[in-house]
PDB file of N, CA and C in Angstrom:
ATOM      1  N   MET A   1      77.209 -90.104 167.833  1.00  0.00           N
ATOM      2  CA  MET A   1      76.002 -90.366 167.036  1.00  0.00           C
ATOM      3  C   MET A   1      76.116 -89.654 165.687  1.00  0.00           C
ATOM      4  N   HIS A   2      76.152 -90.424 164.649  1.00  0.00           N
ATOM      5  CA  HIS A   2      76.246 -89.843 163.318  1.00  0.00           C
ATOM      6  C   HIS A   2      74.862 -89.450 162.820  1.00  0.00           C
ATOM      7  N   ILE A   3      74.845 -88.579 161.823  1.00  0.00           N
ATOM      8  CA  ILE A   3      73.568 -88.172 161.225  1.00  0.00           C
ATOM      9  C   ILE A   3      72.938 -89.369 160.521  1.00  0.00           C
ATOM     10  N   LYS A   4      73.799 -90.197 159.918  1.00  0.00           N
ATOM     11  CA  LYS A   4      73.317 -91.375 159.203  1.00  0.00           C
ATOM     12  C   LYS A   4      72.556 -92.304 160.140  1.00  0.00           C
ATOM     13  N   ASP A   5      73.083 -92.470 161.352  1.00  0.00           N
ATOM     14  CA  ASP A   5      72.440 -93.350 162.331  1.00  0.00           C
ATOM     15  C   ASP A   5      71.085 -92.803 162.765  1.00  0.00           C
ATOM     16  N   GLN A   6      70.962 -91.495 162.771  1.00  0.00           N
ATOM     17  CA  GLN A   6      69.680 -90.893 163.157  1.00  0.00           C
ATOM     18  C   GLN A   6      68.645 -91.046 162.047  1.00  0.00           C
ATOM     19  N   PHE A   7      69.107 -90.975 160.808  1.00  0.00           N
ATOM     20  CA  PHE A   7      68.167 -91.017 159.681  1.00  0.00           C
ATOM     21  C   PHE A   7      67.820 -92.431 159.251  1.00  0.00           C
ATOM     22  N   LEU A   8      68.625 -93.406 159.654  1.00  0.00           N
ATOM     23  CA  LEU A   8      68.412 -94.775 159.196  1.00  0.00           C
ATOM     24  C   LEU A   8      67.038 -95.327 159.564  1.00  0.00           C
ATOM     25  N   PRO A   9      66.562 -95.169 160.811  1.00  0.00           N
ATOM     26  CA  PRO A   9      65.220 -95.672 161.139  1.00  0.00           C
ATOM     27  C   PRO A   9      64.135 -95.027 160.292  1.00  0.00           C
ATOM     28  N   TYR A  10      64.238 -93.709 160.107  1.00  0.00           N
ATOM     29  CA  TYR A  10      63.232 -93.011 159.305  1.00  0.00           C
ATOM     30  C   TYR A  10      63.283 -93.495 157.863  1.00  0.00           C
ATOM     31  N   PHE A  11      64.500 -93.692 157.358  1.00  0.00           N
ATOM     32  CA  PHE A  11      64.661 -94.116 155.971  1.00  0.00           C
ATOM     33  C   PHE A  11      64.064 -95.498 155.758  1.00  0.00           C
ATOM     34  N   SER A  12      64.339 -96.419 156.677  1.00  0.00           N
ATOM     35  CA  SER A  12      63.805 -97.773 156.537  1.00  0.00           C
ATOM     36  C   SER A  12      62.285 -97.758 156.640  1.00  0.00           C
ATOM     37  N   LEU A  13      61.759 -96.882 157.498  1.00  0.00           N
ATOM     38  CA  LEU A  13      60.311 -96.774 157.651  1.00  0.00           C
ATOM     39  C   LEU A  13      59.680 -96.262 156.359  1.00  0.00           C
ATOM     40  N   ILE A  14      60.300 -95.236 155.771  1.00  0.00           N
ATOM     41  CA  ILE A  14      59.780 -94.657 154.528  1.00  0.00           C
ATOM     42  C   ILE A  14      59.866 -95.680 153.394  1.00  0.00           C
ATOM     43  N   ALA A  15      61.000 -96.396 153.337  1.00  0.00           N
ATOM     44  CA  ALA A  15      61.177 -97.411 152.300  1.00  0.00           C
ATOM     45  C   ALA A  15      60.126 -98.507 152.447  1.00  0.00           C
ATOM     46  N   PHE A  16      59.892 -98.926 153.687  1.00  0.00           N
ATOM     47  CA  PHE A  16      58.894 -99.950 153.977  1.00  0.00           C
ATOM     48  C   PHE A  16      57.512 -99.469 153.552  1.00  0.00           C
ATOM     49  N   TYR A  17      57.203 -98.203 153.878  1.00  0.00           N
ATOM     50  CA  TYR A  17      55.906 -97.620 153.530  1.00  0.00           C
ATOM     51  C   TYR A  17      55.712 -97.601 152.019  1.00  0.00           C
ATOM     52  N   PHE A  18      56.760 -97.190 151.299  1.00  0.00           N
ATOM     53  CA  PHE A  18      56.640 -97.114 149.847  1.00  0.00           C
ATOM     54  C   PHE A  18      56.529 -98.501 149.227  1.00  0.00           C
ATOM     55  N   CYS A  19      57.251 -99.468 149.805  1.00  0.00           N
ATOM     56  CA  CYS A  19      57.160-100.845 149.305  1.00  0.00           C
ATOM     57  C   CYS A  19      55.729-101.352 149.425  1.00  0.00           C
ATOM     58  N   ILE A  20      55.125-101.134 150.588  1.00  0.00           N
ATOM     59  CA  ILE A  20      53.742-101.597 150.819  1.00  0.00           C
ATOM     60  C   ILE A  20      52.785-100.874 149.873  1.00  0.00           C
ATOM     61  N   LYS A  21      53.003 -99.550 149.726  1.00  0.00           N
ATOM     62  CA  LYS A  21      52.110 -98.757 148.887  1.00  0.00           C
ATOM     63  C   LYS A  21      52.170 -99.237 147.441  1.00  0.00           C
ATOM     64  N   ILE A  22      53.388 -99.421 146.926  1.00  0.00           N
ATOM     65  CA  ILE A  22      53.563 -99.871 145.551  1.00  0.00           C
ATOM     66  C   ILE A  22      53.001-101.276 145.378  1.00  0.00           C
ATOM     67  N   TYR A  23      53.240-102.127 146.389  1.00  0.00           N
ATOM     68  CA  TYR A  23      52.765-103.517 146.345  1.00  0.00           C
ATOM     69  C   TYR A  23      51.249-103.564 146.220  1.00  0.00           C
ATOM     70  N   PHE A  24      50.569-102.796 147.075  1.00  0.00           N
ATOM     71  CA  PHE A  24      49.106-102.805 147.038  1.00  0.00           C
ATOM     72  C   PHE A  24      48.581-102.159 145.764  1.00  0.00           C
ATOM     73  N   TYR A  25      49.297-101.119 145.282  1.00  0.00           N
ATOM     74  CA  TYR A  25      48.900-100.467 144.035  1.00  0.00           C
ATOM     75  C   TYR A  25      48.970-101.468 142.880  1.00  0.00           C
ATOM     76  N   LEU A  26      50.063-102.233 142.828  1.00  0.00           N
ATOM     77  CA  LEU A  26      50.227-103.222 141.768  1.00  0.00           C
ATOM     78  C   LEU A  26      49.179-104.316 141.873  1.00  0.00           C
ATOM     79  N   ILE A  27      48.910-104.767 143.097  1.00  0.00           N
ATOM     80  CA  ILE A  27      47.916-105.836 143.299  1.00  0.00           C
ATOM     81  C   ILE A  27      46.540-105.358 142.846  1.00  0.00           C
ATOM     82  N   ARG A  28      46.198-104.113 143.199  1.00  0.00           N
ATOM     83  CA  ARG A  28      44.889-103.576 142.819  1.00  0.00           C
ATOM     84  C   ARG A  28      44.794-103.497 141.293  1.00  0.00           C
ATOM     85  N   ASN A  29      45.865-103.041 140.648  1.00  0.00           N
ATOM     86  CA  ASN A  29      45.855-102.960 139.188  1.00  0.00           C
ATOM     87  C   ASN A  29      45.777-104.338 138.564  1.00  0.00           C
ATOM     88  N   GLU A  30      46.507-105.303 139.147  1.00  0.00           N
ATOM     89  CA  GLU A  30      46.480-106.668 138.625  1.00  0.00           C
ATOM     90  C   GLU A  30      45.065-107.221 138.659  1.00  0.00           C
ATOM     91  N   ILE A  31      44.377-107.036 139.783  1.00  0.00           N
ATOM     92  CA  ILE A  31      43.019-107.557 139.929  1.00  0.00           C
ATOM     93  C   ILE A  31      42.087-106.872 138.925  1.00  0.00           C
ATOM     94  N   LYS A  32      42.242-105.538 138.794  1.00  0.00           N
ATOM     95  CA  LYS A  32      41.391-104.787 137.872  1.00  0.00           C
ATOM     96  C   LYS A  32      41.628-105.253 136.435  1.00  0.00           C
ATOM     97  N   ASN A  33      42.915-105.347 136.057  1.00  0.00           N
ATOM     98  CA  ASN A  33      43.245-105.753 134.698  1.00  0.00           C
ATOM     99  C   ASN A  33      42.862-107.200 134.446  1.00  0.00           C
ATOM    100  N   PHE A  34      43.039-108.033 135.463  1.00  0.00           N
ATOM    101  CA  PHE A  34      42.759-109.458 135.284  1.00  0.00           C
ATOM    102  C   PHE A  34      41.284-109.674 134.981  1.00  0.00           C
ATOM    103  N   SER A  35      40.432-109.003 135.744  1.00  0.00           N
ATOM    104  CA  SER A  35      38.998-109.189 135.551  1.00  0.00           C
ATOM    105  C   SER A  35      38.550-108.567 134.236  1.00  0.00           C
ATOM    106  N   LYS A  36      39.231-107.481 133.812  1.00  0.00           N
ATOM    107  CA  LYS A  36      38.763-106.736 132.654  1.00  0.00           C
ATOM    108  C   LYS A  36      39.284-107.316 131.343  1.00  0.00           C
ATOM    109  N   CYS A  37      40.620-107.368 131.185  1.00  0.00           N
ATOM    110  CA  CYS A  37      41.150-107.639 129.846  1.00  0.00           C
ATOM    111  C   CYS A  37      41.951-108.919 129.751  1.00  0.00           C
ATOM    112  N   ASN A  38      42.373-109.509 130.865  1.00  0.00           N
ATOM    113  CA  ASN A  38      43.208-110.698 130.754  1.00  0.00           C
ATOM    114  C   ASN A  38      42.437-111.868 130.177  1.00  0.00           C
ATOM    115  N   SER A  39      41.140-111.965 130.500  1.00  0.00           N
ATOM    116  CA  SER A  39      40.342-113.052 129.944  1.00  0.00           C
ATOM    117  C   SER A  39      40.258-112.908 128.423  1.00  0.00           C
ATOM    118  N   GLU A  40      40.035-111.683 127.947  1.00  0.00           N
ATOM    119  CA  GLU A  40      39.994-111.438 126.509  1.00  0.00           C
ATOM    120  C   GLU A  40      41.356-111.707 125.893  1.00  0.00           C
ATOM    121  N   HIS A  41      42.407-111.227 126.573  1.00  0.00           N
ATOM    122  CA  HIS A  41      43.765-111.364 126.053  1.00  0.00           C
ATOM    123  C   HIS A  41      44.129-112.833 125.881  1.00  0.00           C
ATOM    124  N   TYR A  42      43.855-113.632 126.908  1.00  0.00           N
ATOM    125  CA  TYR A  42      44.215-115.046 126.835  1.00  0.00           C
ATOM    126  C   TYR A  42      43.344-115.779 125.815  1.00  0.00           C
ATOM    127  N   TYR A  43      42.118-115.327 125.681  1.00  0.00           N
ATOM    128  CA  TYR A  43      41.229-115.931 124.684  1.00  0.00           C
ATOM    129  C   TYR A  43      41.769-115.670 123.279  1.00  0.00           C
ATOM    130  N   MET A  44      42.145-114.398 123.017  1.00  0.00           N
ATOM    131  CA  MET A  44      42.671-114.030 121.714  1.00  0.00           C
ATOM    132  C   MET A  44      44.008-114.713 121.461  1.00  0.00           C
ATOM    133  N   ALA A  45      44.869-114.754 122.480  1.00  0.00           N
ATOM    134  CA  ALA A  45      46.177-115.389 122.332  1.00  0.00           C
ATOM    135  C   ALA A  45      46.008-116.880 122.074  1.00  0.00           C
ATOM    136  N   GLY A  46      45.049-117.497 122.765  1.00  0.00           N
ATOM    137  CA  GLY A  46      44.792-118.914 122.570  1.00  0.00           C
ATOM    138  C   GLY A  46      44.323-119.197 121.154  1.00  0.00           C
ATOM    139  N   LYS A  47      43.438-118.329 120.633  1.00  0.00           N
ATOM    140  CA  LYS A  47      42.957-118.496 119.265  1.00  0.00           C
ATOM    141  C   LYS A  47      44.103-118.286 118.281  1.00  0.00           C
ATOM    142  N   TYR A  48      44.924-117.252 118.551  1.00  0.00           N
ATOM    143  CA  TYR A  48      46.013-116.904 117.641  1.00  0.00           C
ATOM    144  C   TYR A  48      47.047-118.021 117.579  1.00  0.00           C
ATOM    145  N   TYR A  49      47.454-118.517 118.753  1.00  0.00           N
ATOM    146  CA  TYR A  49      48.472-119.563 118.776  1.00  0.00           C
ATOM    147  C   TYR A  49      47.883-120.916 118.393  1.00  0.00           C
ATOM    148  N   GLY A  50      46.583-121.046 118.543  1.00  0.00           N
ATOM    149  CA  GLY A  50      45.952-122.303 118.172  1.00  0.00           C
ATOM    150  C   GLY A  50      45.911-122.485 116.659  1.00  0.00           C
ATOM    151  N   THR A  51      45.830-121.358 115.914  1.00  0.00           N
ATOM    152  CA  THR A  51      45.741-121.443 114.460  1.00  0.00           C
ATOM    153  C   THR A  51      47.106-121.641 113.829  1.00  0.00           C
ATOM    154  N   LYS A  52      48.187-121.331 114.554  1.00  0.00           N
ATOM    155  CA  LYS A  52      49.536-121.459 113.978  1.00  0.00           C
ATOM    156  C   LYS A  52      49.983-122.903 113.973  1.00  0.00           C
TER     157      LYS A  52
END
């Protein structure tokens, strides 16, 4: 039994945990930003590109 084999399950679990954590963090930020500034951003971008 190698040390690597012992740590592999823990490592995959930690990696999985961090993936989920980062994923939910990004989703929460996306929703917050989308409701707050994306509507303004797309409105301004639409006006800006519409005049060109």
